């Protein structure tokens, strides 16, 4: 009895592990708050179309890090946390990568009360993108 559910679970995990391209992007993004926006974000990088789940997570982290670097004055702590996340990711410590990204969410959330109009739009974008990365990373552990 127990063997059948384990076989089914293994087949599900294997299929997502081998999936690439638009199908994988759709599967991964379906687990986020705004799947269509997540899809657009990942499809903005041509590497996404040939990446597996691990590759998509790396690409999403890179996109987030680039966005944070563009507003360094506001995200100085987040930039460090994002690079910590990338370092942990490269060491296959996905749970540590996830934890570092949670700090980014905290930093971005703390900044939402900033009176700069331009910043609020950027802040909302960073918050949204970072949540997508968390959703992707969570699928790796």
C-alpha atoms as a PDB file:
ATOM      1  CA  UNK A   1       0.000   0.000   0.000  1.00  0.00           C
ATOM      2  CA  UNK A   2       2.700   2.498   0.968  1.00  0.00           C
ATOM      3  CA  UNK A   3       4.778   1.736  -2.103  1.00  0.00           C
ATOM      4  CA  UNK A   4       2.245   3.073  -4.622  1.00  0.00           C
ATOM      5  CA  UNK A   5       2.040   6.623  -3.152  1.00  0.00           C
ATOM      6  CA  UNK A   6       5.831   6.745  -2.993  1.00  0.00           C
ATOM      7  CA  UNK A   7       6.097   5.737  -6.640  1.00  0.00           C
ATOM      8  CA  UNK A   8       3.556   8.401  -7.635  1.00  0.00           C
ATOM      9  CA  UNK A   9       5.358  11.033  -5.538  1.00  0.00           C
ATOM     10  CA  UNK A  10       8.688  10.071  -7.089  1.00  0.00           C
ATOM     11  CA  UNK A  11       7.228  10.350 -10.605  1.00  0.00           C
ATOM     12  CA  UNK A  12       5.837  13.823  -9.807  1.00  0.00           C
ATOM     13  CA  UNK A  13       9.153  15.024  -8.424  1.00  0.00           C
ATOM     14  CA  UNK A  14      11.053  13.497 -11.334  1.00  0.00           C
ATOM     15  CA  UNK A  15       8.798  15.111 -13.919  1.00  0.00           C
ATOM     16  CA  UNK A  16       9.222  18.630 -12.491  1.00  0.00           C
ATOM     17  CA  UNK A  17      12.951  17.971 -12.168  1.00  0.00           C
ATOM     18  CA  UNK A  18      13.200  17.143 -15.890  1.00  0.00           C
ATOM     19  CA  UNK A  19      10.760  19.764 -17.144  1.00  0.00           C
ATOM     20  CA  UNK A  20      12.156  22.863 -18.887  1.00  0.00           C
ATOM     21  CA  UNK A  21      10.955  25.814 -20.933  1.00  0.00           C
ATOM     22  CA  UNK A  22       7.541  27.419 -20.900  1.00  0.00           C
ATOM     23  CA  UNK A  23       5.946  24.402 -19.218  1.00  0.00           C
ATOM     24  CA  UNK A  24       8.307  24.589 -16.242  1.00  0.00           C
ATOM     25  CA  UNK A  25       7.988  28.374 -16.027  1.00  0.00           C
ATOM     26  CA  UNK A  26       4.187  28.009 -15.905  1.00  0.00           C
ATOM     27  CA  UNK A  27       4.389  25.233 -13.296  1.00  0.00           C
ATOM     28  CA  UNK A  28       6.782  27.183 -11.081  1.00  0.00           C
ATOM     29  CA  UNK A  29       4.916  30.469 -11.393  1.00  0.00           C
ATOM     30  CA  UNK A  30       1.561  28.843 -10.676  1.00  0.00           C
ATOM     31  CA  UNK A  31       2.742  28.659  -7.062  1.00  0.00           C
ATOM     32  CA  UNK A  32       3.190  32.459  -6.760  1.00  0.00           C
ATOM     33  CA  UNK A  33       0.746  35.256  -5.898  1.00  0.00           C
ATOM     34  CA  UNK A  34       0.692  36.552  -9.482  1.00  0.00           C
ATOM     35  CA  UNK A  35       1.566  33.762 -11.922  1.00  0.00           C
ATOM     36  CA  UNK A  36       1.330  35.889 -15.090  1.00  0.00           C
ATOM     37  CA  UNK A  37       3.704  38.521 -13.717  1.00  0.00           C
ATOM     38  CA  UNK A  38       6.109  35.806 -12.569  1.00  0.00           C
ATOM     39  CA  UNK A  39       6.013  34.263 -16.056  1.00  0.00           C
ATOM     40  CA  UNK A  40       6.776  37.645 -17.643  1.00  0.00           C
ATOM     41  CA  UNK A  41       9.676  38.181 -15.267  1.00  0.00           C
ATOM     42  CA  UNK A  42      11.267  34.791 -15.978  1.00  0.00           C
ATOM     43  CA  UNK A  43      10.630  34.992 -19.712  1.00  0.00           C
ATOM     44  CA  UNK A  44      12.483  38.328 -19.774  1.00  0.00           C
ATOM     45  CA  UNK A  45      15.680  36.269 -19.507  1.00  0.00           C
ATOM     46  CA  UNK A  46      16.192  33.980 -22.527  1.00  0.00           C
ATOM     47  CA  UNK A  47      18.081  31.442 -20.383  1.00  0.00           C
ATOM     48  CA  UNK A  48      14.774  30.592 -18.678  1.00  0.00           C
ATOM     49  CA  UNK A  49      13.532  28.719 -21.744  1.00  0.00           C
ATOM     50  CA  UNK A  50      16.275  26.086 -21.449  1.00  0.00           C
ATOM     51  CA  UNK A  51      16.651  25.999 -17.651  1.00  0.00           C
ATOM     52  CA  UNK A  52      15.539  23.389 -15.180  1.00  0.00           C
ATOM     53  CA  UNK A  53      14.073  24.318 -11.774  1.00  0.00           C
ATOM     54  CA  UNK A  54      17.503  25.029 -10.288  1.00  0.00           C
ATOM     55  CA  UNK A  55      18.400  27.227 -13.251  1.00  0.00           C
ATOM     56  CA  UNK A  56      15.150  29.194 -12.960  1.00  0.00           C
ATOM     57  CA  UNK A  57      15.801  29.805  -9.271  1.00  0.00           C
ATOM     58  CA  UNK A  58      19.300  31.106 -10.090  1.00  0.00           C
ATOM     59  CA  UNK A  59      17.962  33.370 -12.856  1.00  0.00           C
ATOM     60  CA  UNK A  60      15.245  34.770 -10.571  1.00  0.00           C
ATOM     61  CA  UNK A  61      17.842  35.455  -7.872  1.00  0.00           C
ATOM     62  CA  UNK A  62      20.052  37.259 -10.397  1.00  0.00           C
ATOM     63  CA  UNK A  63      17.153  39.416 -11.602  1.00  0.00           C
ATOM     64  CA  UNK A  64      16.347  40.346  -8.006  1.00  0.00           C
ATOM     65  CA  UNK A  65      19.996  41.126  -7.232  1.00  0.00           C
ATOM     66  CA  UNK A  66      20.261  43.382 -10.316  1.00  0.00           C
ATOM     67  CA  UNK A  67      17.119  45.269  -9.286  1.00  0.00           C
ATOM     68  CA  UNK A  68      18.398  45.737  -5.747  1.00  0.00           C
ATOM     69  CA  UNK A  69      21.777  46.945  -7.032  1.00  0.00           C
ATOM     70  CA  UNK A  70      20.002  49.647  -9.072  1.00  0.00           C
ATOM     71  CA  UNK A  71      18.713  51.260  -5.884  1.00  0.00           C
ATOM     72  CA  UNK A  72      21.662  50.634  -3.604  1.00  0.00           C
ATOM     73  CA  UNK A  73      20.985  53.605  -1.321  1.00  0.00           C
ATOM     74  CA  UNK A  74      17.695  52.056  -0.263  1.00  0.00           C
ATOM     75  CA  UNK A  75      18.634  48.396  -0.358  1.00  0.00           C
ATOM     76  CA  UNK A  76      22.166  48.290   0.980  1.00  0.00           C
ATOM     77  CA  UNK A  77      21.256  45.529   3.433  1.00  0.00           C
ATOM     78  CA  UNK A  78      19.192  43.690   0.842  1.00  0.00           C
ATOM     79  CA  UNK A  79      22.059  43.628  -1.642  1.00  0.00           C
ATOM     80  CA  UNK A  80      24.222  41.830   0.924  1.00  0.00           C
ATOM     81  CA  UNK A  81      21.403  39.431   1.765  1.00  0.00           C
ATOM     82  CA  UNK A  82      20.797  38.704  -1.916  1.00  0.00           C
ATOM     83  CA  UNK A  83      24.446  37.892  -2.534  1.00  0.00           C
ATOM     84  CA  UNK A  84      24.418  35.715   0.616  1.00  0.00           C
ATOM     85  CA  UNK A  85      21.406  33.975  -0.886  1.00  0.00           C
ATOM     86  CA  UNK A  86      23.220  33.441  -4.190  1.00  0.00           C
ATOM     87  CA  UNK A  87      26.309  32.118  -2.390  1.00  0.00           C
ATOM     88  CA  UNK A  88      24.201  29.684  -0.355  1.00  0.00           C
ATOM     89  CA  UNK A  89      22.354  28.698  -3.521  1.00  0.00           C
ATOM     90  CA  UNK A  90      25.602  27.875  -5.311  1.00  0.00           C
ATOM     91  CA  UNK A  91      26.580  25.725  -2.311  1.00  0.00           C
ATOM     92  CA  UNK A  92      23.226  23.889  -2.723  1.00  0.00           C
ATOM     93  CA  UNK A  93      22.099  25.200   0.683  1.00  0.00           C
ATOM     94  CA  UNK A  94      18.658  26.122  -0.572  1.00  0.00           C
ATOM     95  CA  UNK A  95      17.216  26.559   2.920  1.00  0.00           C
ATOM     96  CA  UNK A  96      19.942  29.144   3.737  1.00  0.00           C
ATOM     97  CA  UNK A  97      19.293  30.865   0.413  1.00  0.00           C
ATOM     98  CA  UNK A  98      15.595  31.008   1.315  1.00  0.00           C
ATOM     99  CA  UNK A  99      16.393  32.427   4.765  1.00  0.00           C
ATOM    100  CA  UNK A 100      18.559  35.194   3.305  1.00  0.00           C
ATOM    101  CA  UNK A 101      15.730  36.140   0.968  1.00  0.00           C
ATOM    102  CA  UNK A 102      13.349  36.385   3.906  1.00  0.00           C
ATOM    103  CA  UNK A 103      15.611  39.162   5.244  1.00  0.00           C
ATOM    104  CA  UNK A 104      15.192  40.950   1.923  1.00  0.00           C
ATOM    105  CA  UNK A 105      11.414  40.782   2.312  1.00  0.00           C
ATOM    106  CA  UNK A 106      11.790  42.344   5.771  1.00  0.00           C
ATOM    107  CA  UNK A 107      14.022  45.135   4.443  1.00  0.00           C
ATOM    108  CA  UNK A 108      11.685  45.891   1.549  1.00  0.00           C
ATOM    109  CA  UNK A 109       8.628  45.844   3.806  1.00  0.00           C
ATOM    110  CA  UNK A 110      10.324  48.230   6.248  1.00  0.00           C
ATOM    111  CA  UNK A 111      10.916  50.657   3.372  1.00  0.00           C
ATOM    112  CA  UNK A 112       7.296  50.778   2.223  1.00  0.00           C
ATOM    113  CA  UNK A 113       6.636  53.859   4.354  1.00  0.00           C
ATOM    114  CA  UNK A 114       9.261  55.917   2.508  1.00  0.00           C
ATOM    115  CA  UNK A 115       7.725  59.178   1.232  1.00  0.00           C
ATOM    116  CA  UNK A 116       9.421  59.020  -2.183  1.00  0.00           C
ATOM    117  CA  UNK A 117       6.842  58.266  -4.880  1.00  0.00           C
ATOM    118  CA  UNK A 118       9.357  56.739  -7.307  1.00  0.00           C
ATOM    119  CA  UNK A 119      10.734  54.568  -4.561  1.00  0.00           C
ATOM    120  CA  UNK A 120       7.339  53.139  -3.660  1.00  0.00           C
ATOM    121  CA  UNK A 121       6.905  51.749  -7.182  1.00  0.00           C
ATOM    122  CA  UNK A 122      10.389  50.238  -7.109  1.00  0.00           C
ATOM    123  CA  UNK A 123       9.776  48.919  -3.617  1.00  0.00           C
ATOM    124  CA  UNK A 124       6.566  47.181  -4.697  1.00  0.00           C
ATOM    125  CA  UNK A 125       8.404  45.616  -7.632  1.00  0.00           C
ATOM    126  CA  UNK A 126      11.238  44.363  -5.409  1.00  0.00           C
ATOM    127  CA  UNK A 127       8.784  42.901  -2.920  1.00  0.00           C
ATOM    128  CA  UNK A 128       6.875  41.125  -5.663  1.00  0.00           C
ATOM    129  CA  UNK A 129       9.985  39.739  -7.399  1.00  0.00           C
ATOM    130  CA  UNK A 130      11.528  38.558  -4.135  1.00  0.00           C
ATOM    131  CA  UNK A 131       8.342  36.675  -3.263  1.00  0.00           C
ATOM    132  CA  UNK A 132       8.509  34.921  -6.650  1.00  0.00           C
ATOM    133  CA  UNK A 133      12.073  33.843  -5.930  1.00  0.00           C
ATOM    134  CA  UNK A 134      11.029  32.503  -2.512  1.00  0.00           C
ATOM    135  CA  UNK A 135       8.283  30.449  -4.152  1.00  0.00           C
ATOM    136  CA  UNK A 136      10.746  28.997  -6.676  1.00  0.00           C
ATOM    137  CA  UNK A 137      13.431  28.295  -4.079  1.00  0.00           C
ATOM    138  CA  UNK A 138      10.922  26.599  -1.787  1.00  0.00           C
ATOM    139  CA  UNK A 139      10.361  24.002  -4.513  1.00  0.00           C
ATOM    140  CA  UNK A 140      14.034  23.002  -4.303  1.00  0.00           C
ATOM    141  CA  UNK A 141      13.964  21.776  -0.693  1.00  0.00           C
END
